[in-house]
Amino acid sequence: MKIRFGNIADTLVGVKEIEVQESSLKKIFQSISQSLNKRVELIVDEKEESVYLLAEKDGKLSKSWVVALNNGINILDADVNSLREGELVIFVPVSGG
């Protein structure tokens, strides 16, 4: 599966794109953490209907609210134990005026 980080999330993680062979969210981020040699985790809070990206940088953990889409479907509406093959896009939503 191709994982794409965009709009500030790439800065937090340190890469724009990475490929893994996993399909469960937990295993995907274990693989990413191992590849990047730092902690990277996606936390899905179903109760709050929010998704957070946790990333280690310079020995500190940063937590940001993000939107995660598996082939265009919000991760909150997906089975995180068996994501659909394709891509997972993670980004920090921004707005302006």
Protein backbone atom coordinates (compact mmCIF):
# COMPACT_ATOMS: atom_id res chain seq x y z
CA MET A 1 0.00 0.00 0.00
CA LYS A 2 1.22 3.47 -0.82
CA ILE A 3 1.08 5.94 2.09
CA ARG A 4 1.16 9.62 1.14
CA PHE A 5 1.71 12.41 3.63
CA GLY A 6 0.71 15.87 2.54
CA ASN A 7 0.10 19.38 3.77
CA ILE A 8 2.29 19.59 6.91
CA ALA A 9 1.97 15.86 7.73
CA ASP A 10 4.99 15.23 5.47
CA THR A 11 7.02 17.67 7.54
CA LEU A 12 6.01 15.90 10.76
CA VAL A 13 6.89 12.45 9.41
CA GLY A 14 9.86 13.43 7.25
CA VAL A 15 8.71 11.82 3.98
CA LYS A 16 6.05 12.59 1.39
CA GLU A 17 5.44 8.99 0.38
CA ILE A 18 6.31 5.46 1.51
CA GLU A 19 5.17 2.00 0.48
CA VAL A 20 4.44 -0.90 2.84
CA GLN A 21 3.13 -4.42 2.36
CA GLU A 22 0.72 -4.32 5.31
CA SER A 23 -3.07 -3.86 5.31
CA SER A 24 -3.96 -3.25 8.97
CA LEU A 25 -3.48 0.28 10.27
CA LYS A 26 -1.44 -0.89 13.26
CA LYS A 27 0.96 -2.95 11.12
CA ILE A 28 1.23 -0.20 8.50
CA PHE A 29 2.51 2.26 11.08
CA GLN A 30 4.75 -0.30 12.76
CA SER A 31 6.35 -0.82 9.36
CA ILE A 32 6.65 2.93 8.74
CA SER A 33 8.20 3.46 12.19
CA GLN A 34 10.70 0.69 11.54
CA SER A 35 11.60 2.05 8.09
CA LEU A 36 12.05 5.61 9.34
CA ASN A 37 13.67 4.55 12.62
CA LYS A 38 11.30 6.73 14.65
CA ARG A 39 7.84 6.48 16.12
CA VAL A 40 5.03 7.30 13.71
CA GLU A 41 1.47 6.35 14.61
CA LEU A 42 -2.05 7.08 13.41
CA ILE A 43 -4.58 7.19 16.22
CA VAL A 44 -8.24 6.73 15.32
CA ASP A 45 -10.54 8.02 18.06
CA GLU A 46 -13.93 6.65 17.07
CA LYS A 47 -15.65 8.16 20.11
CA GLU A 48 -14.53 11.67 19.19
CA GLU A 49 -14.65 10.88 15.45
CA SER A 50 -11.13 12.24 15.06
CA VAL A 51 -7.84 10.98 13.67
CA TYR A 52 -4.43 12.05 14.98
CA LEU A 53 -0.93 11.66 13.60
CA LEU A 54 1.71 11.08 16.24
CA ALA A 55 5.28 11.57 15.03
CA GLU A 56 8.63 11.66 16.77
CA LYS A 57 10.97 14.49 15.86
CA ASP A 58 14.17 15.36 17.68
CA GLY A 59 13.22 13.01 20.53
CA LYS A 60 9.85 14.69 21.10
CA LEU A 61 6.40 13.51 20.06
CA SER A 62 4.11 15.79 18.07
CA LYS A 63 0.39 15.08 17.82
CA SER A 64 -1.69 16.67 15.07
CA TRP A 65 -5.29 16.31 14.03
CA VAL A 66 -5.39 14.92 10.48
CA VAL A 67 -7.69 13.61 7.81
CA ALA A 68 -6.87 10.10 6.57
CA LEU A 69 -8.40 8.69 3.40
CA ASN A 70 -8.08 5.10 2.19
CA ASN A 71 -8.74 5.26 -1.56
CA GLY A 72 -10.84 8.37 -0.99
CA ILE A 73 -12.86 6.92 1.91
CA ASN A 74 -12.47 8.50 5.33
CA ILE A 75 -10.59 6.14 7.63
CA LEU A 76 -13.33 6.67 10.23
CA ASP A 77 -15.65 4.79 7.84
CA ALA A 78 -13.15 2.01 7.05
CA ASP A 79 -12.15 -1.26 8.69
CA VAL A 80 -8.76 -0.33 10.17
CA ASN A 81 -7.86 -4.02 10.55
CA SER A 82 -8.11 -4.62 6.80
CA LEU A 83 -7.72 -1.49 4.68
CA ARG A 84 -8.38 -1.67 0.96
CA GLU A 85 -5.30 -2.04 -1.24
CA GLY A 86 -4.32 1.16 -3.00
CA GLU A 87 -3.32 4.25 -1.10
CA LEU A 88 -3.72 5.92 2.26
CA VAL A 89 -3.49 9.72 2.13
CA ILE A 90 -2.90 11.62 5.37
CA PHE A 91 -2.96 15.40 5.62
CA VAL A 92 -3.48 18.23 8.06
CA PRO A 93 -6.58 20.19 6.99
CA VAL A 94 -6.06 23.93 6.72
CA SER A 95 -8.32 26.85 6.04
CA GLY A 96 -7.80 30.49 5.37
CA GLY A 97 -9.62 33.60 4.69
